Amino acid sequence: FLAQALTPEKGKSDPTLEELDLMNNSIGPEGARAIAGVMTCNKRLKKINLWWNNIGNKGLEAICENLRKDYPRDFVLDVRYNGFDRSDPSVDWEKMKQQLENSKLEYEGDPEECRFRGWPEE
């Protein structure tokens, strides 16, 4: 229901919410997929915090697949502490990394300066 409320109806303007903090809500991979859908069409969101939601590799894949190329300069997406498993052979980490690069959300360097926070370490 939250994802529906954050998705603009056809022909109407975006909801006015600019920050979404879902820290520690156990949304899991399905919740991450719903939020990923919101990210594709809601242009007002500037910060999404998904810390400690157990979205796992599949949730991160859904998010990366739905990244746009036109985020505002101050947009931040934080997915730290979500149980990512870099040893999972079913995940195409290079593809996700490329999707992040295409979205122009920086993800390397100081975590507090990156716009995409929480890229899984090798």
Protein backbone atom coordinates (compact mmCIF):
# COMPACT_ATOMS: atom_id res chain seq x y z
CA PHE A 1 0.00 0.00 0.00
CA LEU A 2 2.85 2.40 0.76
CA ALA A 3 4.33 1.93 -2.71
CA GLN A 4 0.95 2.68 -4.27
CA ALA A 5 0.63 5.86 -2.21
CA LEU A 6 4.06 7.01 -3.40
CA THR A 7 3.40 6.33 -7.07
CA PRO A 8 1.75 9.17 -8.98
CA GLU A 9 -1.46 8.42 -10.79
CA LYS A 10 -1.38 8.90 -14.55
CA GLY A 11 -1.93 12.55 -15.38
CA LYS A 12 -1.40 13.72 -11.79
CA SER A 13 1.64 15.26 -10.09
CA ASP A 14 4.03 13.32 -7.87
CA PRO A 15 3.24 12.90 -4.18
CA THR A 16 5.03 15.60 -2.17
CA LEU A 17 7.12 13.25 -0.01
CA GLU A 18 10.85 14.02 -0.39
CA GLU A 19 12.38 11.62 2.15
CA LEU A 20 11.43 8.02 2.87
CA ASP A 21 12.99 6.37 5.93
CA LEU A 22 12.09 2.69 6.15
CA MET A 23 15.03 1.75 8.39
CA ASN A 24 14.59 -1.56 10.22
CA ASN A 25 11.16 -2.46 8.81
CA SER A 26 11.92 -5.93 7.41
CA ILE A 27 10.52 -5.10 3.98
CA GLY A 28 12.56 -7.92 2.40
CA PRO A 29 13.12 -8.43 -1.33
CA GLU A 30 9.44 -7.95 -2.21
CA GLY A 31 9.33 -4.61 -0.42
CA ALA A 32 12.52 -3.57 -2.21
CA ARG A 33 10.86 -4.41 -5.54
CA ALA A 34 7.91 -2.19 -4.64
CA ILE A 35 10.20 0.68 -3.62
CA ALA A 36 12.19 0.18 -6.84
CA GLY A 37 8.99 0.74 -8.79
CA VAL A 38 8.38 3.96 -6.88
CA MET A 39 11.91 5.13 -7.71
CA THR A 40 11.22 4.91 -11.43
CA CYS A 41 8.30 7.31 -11.44
CA ASN A 42 8.35 9.48 -8.30
CA LYS A 43 10.64 12.40 -9.12
CA ARG A 44 10.26 14.26 -5.80
CA LEU A 45 11.94 11.69 -3.58
CA LYS A 46 15.42 12.88 -2.62
CA LYS A 47 16.38 10.37 0.05
CA ILE A 48 15.47 6.73 0.60
CA ASN A 49 16.84 4.93 3.66
CA LEU A 50 16.50 1.14 3.53
CA TRP A 51 18.97 0.21 6.29
CA TRP A 52 18.43 -3.13 8.03
CA ASN A 53 15.54 -4.37 5.90
CA ASN A 54 16.90 -7.75 4.83
CA ILE A 55 16.35 -6.95 1.16
CA GLY A 56 19.19 -9.29 0.20
CA ASN A 57 20.64 -9.78 -3.25
CA LYS A 58 17.27 -10.04 -5.01
CA GLY A 59 16.06 -6.75 -3.52
CA LEU A 60 19.27 -5.01 -4.56
CA GLU A 61 18.91 -6.44 -8.07
CA ALA A 62 15.35 -5.05 -8.31
CA ILE A 63 16.55 -1.62 -7.19
CA CYS A 64 19.46 -1.56 -9.64
CA GLU A 65 17.22 -2.68 -12.53
CA ASN A 66 14.87 0.23 -11.89
CA LEU A 67 17.38 3.05 -11.47
CA ARG A 68 16.72 6.12 -13.62
CA LYS A 69 19.32 8.39 -15.21
CA ASP A 70 17.89 11.70 -13.97
CA TYR A 71 18.15 11.77 -10.18
CA PRO A 72 18.64 15.19 -8.60
CA ARG A 73 22.17 15.98 -7.43
CA ASP A 74 21.11 15.69 -3.79
CA PHE A 75 19.39 12.28 -4.16
CA VAL A 76 20.64 9.61 -1.72
CA LEU A 77 19.76 5.92 -1.65
CA ASP A 78 21.06 4.02 1.39
CA VAL A 79 20.90 0.21 1.41
CA ARG A 80 23.51 -0.59 4.05
CA TYR A 81 23.20 -3.65 6.32
CA ASN A 82 20.85 -5.73 4.20
CA GLY A 83 22.47 -9.14 4.16
CA PHE A 84 24.04 -9.01 0.71
CA ASP A 85 26.04 -12.10 -0.27
CA ARG A 86 28.79 -11.38 -2.80
CA SER A 87 29.56 -15.10 -3.08
CA ASP A 88 26.12 -15.82 -4.62
CA PRO A 89 26.86 -17.03 -8.18
CA SER A 90 23.31 -16.31 -9.36
CA VAL A 91 23.82 -12.55 -9.02
CA ASP A 92 25.37 -10.54 -11.86
CA TRP A 93 27.33 -8.04 -9.75
CA GLU A 94 28.99 -6.46 -12.79
CA LYS A 95 25.61 -5.77 -14.39
CA MET A 96 24.36 -4.12 -11.18
CA LYS A 97 27.54 -2.06 -10.94
CA GLN A 98 27.01 -0.89 -14.53
CA GLN A 99 23.40 0.04 -13.75
CA LEU A 100 24.63 2.13 -10.82
CA GLU A 101 27.20 3.86 -13.02
CA ASN A 102 24.53 4.58 -15.65
CA SER A 103 22.29 6.15 -12.99
CA LYS A 104 25.11 8.54 -12.09
CA LEU A 105 24.73 7.71 -8.39
CA GLU A 106 28.26 7.57 -7.01
CA TYR A 107 28.91 4.51 -4.88
CA GLU A 108 32.66 4.43 -4.25
CA GLY A 109 34.72 6.38 -1.77
CA ASP A 110 33.64 7.81 1.58
CA PRO A 111 30.25 6.21 2.40
CA GLU A 112 28.91 9.46 3.78
CA GLU A 113 29.73 11.29 0.54
CA CYS A 114 28.35 8.63 -1.82
CA ARG A 115 24.85 9.04 -3.18
CA PHE A 116 24.35 5.26 -3.27
CA ARG A 117 25.38 3.92 0.12
CA GLY A 118 25.84 0.27 0.90
CA TRP A 119 27.41 -1.36 -2.16
CA PRO A 120 28.41 -4.85 -0.94
CA GLU A 121 32.12 -5.30 -0.36
CA GLU A 122 33.91 -8.22 -1.98
